[in-house]
């Protein structure tokens, strides 16, 4: 996976929702099947995941 391809689809909005914050919108990754597939493959091949018994995630504001 080329990290530049991933970075190229992530939109950034400066000073949102307030000054000094850069909001990064990752939704465009889901709109690009090739990049999304590459990302999932890369994440799932991580040594951290291979050595884990469970994965716990917190959902916030509708994040996937």
C-alpha atoms as a PDB file:
ATOM      1  CA  UNK A   1       0.000   0.000   0.000  1.00  0.00           C
ATOM      2  CA  UNK A   2       1.305   3.395  -0.929  1.00  0.00           C
ATOM      3  CA  UNK A   3       0.822   5.811   1.974  1.00  0.00           C
ATOM      4  CA  UNK A   4       0.692   8.738  -0.467  1.00  0.00           C
ATOM      5  CA  UNK A   5      -2.420   7.245  -2.105  1.00  0.00           C
ATOM      6  CA  UNK A   6      -4.041   7.062   1.301  1.00  0.00           C
ATOM      7  CA  UNK A   7      -3.043  10.611   2.244  1.00  0.00           C
ATOM      8  CA  UNK A   8      -4.281  11.948  -1.090  1.00  0.00           C
ATOM      9  CA  UNK A   9      -7.897  10.938  -0.373  1.00  0.00           C
ATOM     10  CA  UNK A  10      -8.073  12.230   3.211  1.00  0.00           C
ATOM     11  CA  UNK A  11      -9.577  15.716   3.289  1.00  0.00           C
ATOM     12  CA  UNK A  12      -8.391  18.247   5.881  1.00  0.00           C
ATOM     13  CA  UNK A  13     -10.404  21.163   7.218  1.00  0.00           C
ATOM     14  CA  UNK A  14      -8.430  23.705   9.230  1.00  0.00           C
ATOM     15  CA  UNK A  15     -10.000  25.439  12.195  1.00  0.00           C
ATOM     16  CA  UNK A  16     -12.942  23.032  12.364  1.00  0.00           C
ATOM     17  CA  UNK A  17     -14.905  22.796  14.575  1.00  0.00           C
ATOM     18  CA  UNK A  18     -12.896  25.534  16.247  1.00  0.00           C
ATOM     19  CA  UNK A  19      -9.730  27.478  15.648  1.00  0.00           C
ATOM     20  CA  UNK A  20      -6.536  25.475  16.056  1.00  0.00           C
ATOM     21  CA  UNK A  21      -8.064  22.102  15.164  1.00  0.00           C
ATOM     22  CA  UNK A  22      -7.511  20.296  11.867  1.00  0.00           C
ATOM     23  CA  UNK A  23     -10.404  17.939  11.150  1.00  0.00           C
ATOM     24  CA  UNK A  24      -9.384  14.993   8.957  1.00  0.00           C
ATOM     25  CA  UNK A  25     -12.239  13.458   6.981  1.00  0.00           C
ATOM     26  CA  UNK A  26     -11.497   9.779   6.261  1.00  0.00           C
ATOM     27  CA  UNK A  27     -14.856   9.079   4.591  1.00  0.00           C
ATOM     28  CA  UNK A  28     -13.331   9.360   1.084  1.00  0.00           C
ATOM     29  CA  UNK A  29     -11.333   6.194   1.869  1.00  0.00           C
ATOM     30  CA  UNK A  30     -14.627   4.305   1.919  1.00  0.00           C
ATOM     31  CA  UNK A  31     -15.535   5.732  -1.480  1.00  0.00           C
ATOM     32  CA  UNK A  32     -12.366   4.336  -3.052  1.00  0.00           C
ATOM     33  CA  UNK A  33     -12.609   0.516  -3.083  1.00  0.00           C
ATOM     34  CA  UNK A  34      -8.978  -0.074  -4.067  1.00  0.00           C
ATOM     35  CA  UNK A  35      -7.508   2.134  -1.342  1.00  0.00           C
ATOM     36  CA  UNK A  36     -10.002   0.827   1.235  1.00  0.00           C
ATOM     37  CA  UNK A  37      -9.121  -2.778   0.381  1.00  0.00           C
ATOM     38  CA  UNK A  38      -5.382  -2.064   0.559  1.00  0.00           C
ATOM     39  CA  UNK A  39      -5.842  -0.357   3.932  1.00  0.00           C
ATOM     40  CA  UNK A  40      -7.787  -3.300   5.381  1.00  0.00           C
ATOM     41  CA  UNK A  41      -5.155  -5.771   4.131  1.00  0.00           C
ATOM     42  CA  UNK A  42      -2.339  -3.680   5.597  1.00  0.00           C
ATOM     43  CA  UNK A  43      -4.092  -3.244   8.942  1.00  0.00           C
ATOM     44  CA  UNK A  44      -5.008  -6.923   9.213  1.00  0.00           C
ATOM     45  CA  UNK A  45      -1.439  -8.061   8.564  1.00  0.00           C
ATOM     46  CA  UNK A  46      -0.103  -6.053  11.501  1.00  0.00           C
ATOM     47  CA  UNK A  47       1.992  -7.928  14.092  1.00  0.00           C
ATOM     48  CA  UNK A  48      -0.050  -6.199  16.784  1.00  0.00           C
ATOM     49  CA  UNK A  49      -3.201  -7.910  15.496  1.00  0.00           C
ATOM     50  CA  UNK A  50      -1.492 -11.264  15.062  1.00  0.00           C
ATOM     51  CA  UNK A  51      -0.423 -11.198  18.718  1.00  0.00           C
ATOM     52  CA  UNK A  52      -3.797 -10.017  20.087  1.00  0.00           C
ATOM     53  CA  UNK A  53      -6.543 -12.066  21.681  1.00  0.00           C
ATOM     54  CA  UNK A  54      -9.189  -9.371  21.196  1.00  0.00           C
ATOM     55  CA  UNK A  55      -9.693  -5.946  19.662  1.00  0.00           C
ATOM     56  CA  UNK A  56     -11.830  -3.339  21.397  1.00  0.00           C
ATOM     57  CA  UNK A  57     -12.894  -0.071  19.797  1.00  0.00           C
ATOM     58  CA  UNK A  58     -14.950   2.856  20.979  1.00  0.00           C
ATOM     59  CA  UNK A  59     -17.479   4.308  18.572  1.00  0.00           C
ATOM     60  CA  UNK A  60     -17.979   8.055  18.735  1.00  0.00           C
ATOM     61  CA  UNK A  61     -20.164  10.421  16.721  1.00  0.00           C
ATOM     62  CA  UNK A  62     -20.968   7.791  14.124  1.00  0.00           C
ATOM     63  CA  UNK A  63     -17.395   6.771  13.350  1.00  0.00           C
ATOM     64  CA  UNK A  64     -17.045   3.337  11.827  1.00  0.00           C
END
